[in-house]
Amino acid sequence: MNMIVLAIFPVMMAFCAAYDLLTMRIPNWLSAVLIVGFIVAAILAGFPLEMIGMHFVAFAIALAVCFLLFIPGWIGGGDAKFAASTVLWMGMGFAVPYLLYAAIAGGIFTALILAFRKYLNATQLPKWEWLQKLHDPKVGVPYGIALAIAALIVFPHTNIFTALIVS
């Protein structure tokens, strides 16, 4: 059972990244699945209520910071909620490394998208709607991909991962 619950996180990261790439949005229900999945995983991992509470404090701080980044349009609302829901799984101890990896992955990914837009002509691309949208300089960057990559790098080091593997 623990392995099934443990798989929720990486599967959701892959799904959210793909969803963001194909639609340029991350709907609220994906973040909700991550939140519910965390609660189930934390209970199965045997986390005490205080520890679960601290994970939610990390979530609340991340949500507040991300919405401050959303206000000037630096990140999308879906990205803000997705990042905060991911921090919930990371907890206080791994939130900062996660966000640092996300910033690095996001910078690299954004540079690749900008190069893609500059050096490839849209007429040379397949007429897939998502690819045409990705090439459009008026459209943002699907930052959920960077958030998911960072999460997958950090997740194996988290307390919840360790607790679920051991129990």
Protein backbone atom coordinates (compact mmCIF):
# COMPACT_ATOMS: atom_id res chain seq x y z
CA MET A 1 0.00 0.00 0.00
CA ASN A 2 2.83 2.41 0.87
CA MET A 3 4.38 1.97 -2.55
CA ILE A 4 1.10 2.86 -4.23
CA VAL A 5 0.78 6.00 -2.09
CA LEU A 6 4.45 6.79 -2.64
CA ALA A 7 3.85 6.65 -6.40
CA ILE A 8 1.19 9.39 -6.19
CA PHE A 9 3.79 12.13 -5.99
CA PRO A 10 6.01 11.28 -8.99
CA VAL A 11 2.99 10.35 -11.12
CA MET A 12 1.35 13.68 -10.30
CA MET A 13 4.59 15.55 -11.08
CA ALA A 14 4.79 13.92 -14.51
CA PHE A 15 1.09 14.49 -15.16
CA CYS A 16 1.21 18.16 -14.09
CA ALA A 17 4.29 18.83 -16.21
CA ALA A 18 2.70 17.23 -19.26
CA TYR A 19 -0.61 19.01 -18.65
CA ASP A 20 1.16 22.37 -18.39
CA LEU A 21 3.16 21.70 -21.56
CA LEU A 22 0.09 20.74 -23.57
CA THR A 23 -2.38 23.33 -22.22
CA MET A 24 -0.24 26.09 -20.68
CA ARG A 25 -2.22 25.84 -17.45
CA ILE A 26 -2.36 23.85 -14.24
CA PRO A 27 -5.92 23.45 -12.99
CA ASN A 28 -6.83 23.63 -9.31
CA TRP A 29 -7.89 19.99 -9.15
CA LEU A 30 -4.29 18.86 -9.76
CA SER A 31 -3.11 20.81 -6.72
CA ALA A 32 -6.06 19.43 -4.74
CA VAL A 33 -5.01 15.86 -5.60
CA LEU A 34 -1.51 16.64 -4.32
CA ILE A 35 -2.91 18.02 -1.06
CA VAL A 36 -5.20 15.03 -0.45
CA GLY A 37 -2.41 12.66 -1.51
CA PHE A 38 -0.09 14.25 1.03
CA ILE A 39 -2.61 13.83 3.84
CA VAL A 40 -3.04 10.13 3.01
CA ALA A 41 0.73 9.64 2.68
CA ALA A 42 1.47 11.45 5.96
CA ILE A 43 -1.06 9.33 7.84
CA LEU A 44 0.35 6.10 6.36
CA ALA A 45 3.88 7.30 7.15
CA GLY A 46 2.83 7.73 10.77
CA PHE A 47 3.59 11.43 10.91
CA PRO A 48 2.47 13.03 14.17
CA LEU A 49 -0.07 15.86 13.89
CA GLU A 50 2.62 18.42 14.76
CA MET A 51 4.74 17.32 11.79
CA ILE A 52 1.75 17.36 9.45
CA GLY A 53 0.98 20.84 10.76
CA MET A 54 4.51 22.01 10.00
CA HIS A 55 4.17 20.73 6.45
CA PHE A 56 1.02 22.84 6.15
CA VAL A 57 2.90 25.84 7.54
CA ALA A 58 5.48 25.35 4.77
CA PHE A 59 2.59 25.12 2.29
CA ALA A 60 1.04 28.37 3.58
CA ILE A 61 4.35 30.25 3.41
CA ALA A 62 5.03 28.96 -0.10
CA LEU A 63 1.51 29.89 -1.20
CA ALA A 64 1.91 33.43 0.15
CA VAL A 65 5.33 33.90 -1.50
CA CYS A 66 4.12 32.43 -4.79
CA PHE A 67 1.10 34.72 -4.87
CA LEU A 68 3.43 37.67 -4.33
CA LEU A 69 5.23 36.46 -7.47
CA PHE A 70 1.88 36.04 -9.22
CA ILE A 71 0.74 39.63 -8.59
CA PRO A 72 3.29 41.23 -10.98
CA GLY A 73 2.80 38.34 -13.43
CA TRP A 74 6.14 36.65 -12.86
CA ILE A 75 4.44 33.27 -12.45
CA GLY A 76 0.96 32.01 -13.25
CA GLY A 77 -1.70 31.29 -10.66
CA GLY A 78 -1.64 27.58 -11.43
CA ASP A 79 2.14 27.55 -11.00
CA ALA A 80 1.75 29.27 -7.62
CA LYS A 81 -0.73 26.69 -6.35
CA PHE A 82 1.24 23.80 -7.84
CA ALA A 83 4.49 24.98 -6.23
CA ALA A 84 2.82 25.39 -2.83
CA SER A 85 1.15 21.95 -3.09
CA THR A 86 4.53 20.47 -3.91
CA VAL A 87 6.15 22.23 -0.95
CA LEU A 88 3.54 20.53 1.22
CA TRP A 89 5.21 17.21 0.37
CA MET A 90 8.70 18.71 0.89
CA GLY A 91 8.10 20.17 4.35
CA MET A 92 10.14 22.94 5.94
CA GLY A 93 13.43 21.07 5.66
CA PHE A 94 13.28 20.61 1.89
CA ALA A 95 11.24 23.60 0.70
CA VAL A 96 14.26 25.82 0.09
CA PRO A 97 16.28 23.20 -1.83
CA TYR A 98 13.17 22.44 -3.89
CA LEU A 99 12.62 26.11 -4.73
CA LEU A 100 16.32 26.57 -5.58
CA TYR A 101 16.25 23.61 -7.94
CA ALA A 102 13.01 24.98 -9.42
CA ALA A 103 14.66 28.35 -10.04
CA ILE A 104 17.65 26.69 -11.73
CA ALA A 105 15.52 24.32 -13.80
CA GLY A 106 13.17 27.19 -14.65
CA GLY A 107 16.03 29.38 -15.83
CA ILE A 108 17.45 26.63 -18.02
CA PHE A 109 14.03 25.69 -19.37
CA THR A 110 13.13 29.32 -20.10
CA ALA A 111 16.43 29.83 -21.95
CA LEU A 112 15.69 26.73 -24.05
CA ILE A 113 12.18 27.98 -24.85
CA LEU A 114 13.52 31.41 -25.83
CA ALA A 115 16.11 29.78 -28.10
CA PHE A 116 13.40 27.54 -29.57
CA ARG A 117 11.29 30.61 -30.32
CA LYS A 118 14.17 32.59 -31.77
CA TYR A 119 15.90 29.99 -33.92
CA LEU A 120 13.03 27.86 -35.19
CA ASN A 121 10.47 29.27 -37.56
CA ALA A 122 6.89 28.39 -36.65
CA THR A 123 6.26 27.29 -40.24
CA GLN A 124 8.89 24.56 -39.82
CA LEU A 125 7.07 23.02 -36.88
CA PRO A 126 4.28 20.47 -36.92
CA LYS A 127 0.88 22.16 -36.69
CA TRP A 128 0.17 20.75 -33.25
CA GLU A 129 -1.70 23.38 -31.26
CA TRP A 130 0.39 22.96 -28.11
CA LEU A 131 3.66 23.28 -30.04
CA GLN A 132 2.48 26.36 -31.91
CA LYS A 133 1.41 27.91 -28.59
CA LEU A 134 4.76 27.02 -27.02
CA HIS A 135 6.49 28.81 -29.90
CA ASP A 136 4.36 31.96 -29.55
CA PRO A 137 6.39 34.73 -27.84
CA LYS A 138 3.15 36.22 -26.46
CA VAL A 139 2.54 33.05 -24.44
CA GLY A 140 4.36 32.39 -21.19
CA VAL A 141 6.58 29.46 -20.35
CA PRO A 142 5.04 26.28 -18.88
CA TYR A 143 6.92 26.61 -15.60
CA GLY A 144 5.16 23.58 -14.17
CA ILE A 145 7.75 21.49 -16.00
CA ALA A 146 10.60 23.08 -14.02
CA LEU A 147 8.62 22.76 -10.79
CA ALA A 148 8.05 19.06 -11.44
CA ILE A 149 11.69 18.38 -12.35
CA ALA A 150 12.88 20.08 -9.16
CA ALA A 151 10.35 18.11 -7.10
CA LEU A 152 11.51 14.81 -8.54
CA ILE A 153 15.13 15.68 -7.71
CA VAL A 154 14.37 16.55 -4.09
CA PHE A 155 11.56 14.08 -3.28
CA PRO A 156 13.76 11.00 -2.62
CA HIS A 157 15.49 12.94 0.18
CA THR A 158 12.31 14.01 2.01
CA ASN A 159 11.03 12.72 5.33
CA ILE A 160 7.81 11.43 3.80
CA PHE A 161 9.66 9.43 1.16
CA THR A 162 11.97 7.89 3.78
CA ALA A 163 9.09 7.12 6.14
CA LEU A 164 7.04 5.42 3.44
CA ILE A 165 9.98 3.37 2.20
CA VAL A 166 10.90 2.19 5.72
CA SER A 167 7.38 1.40 6.95
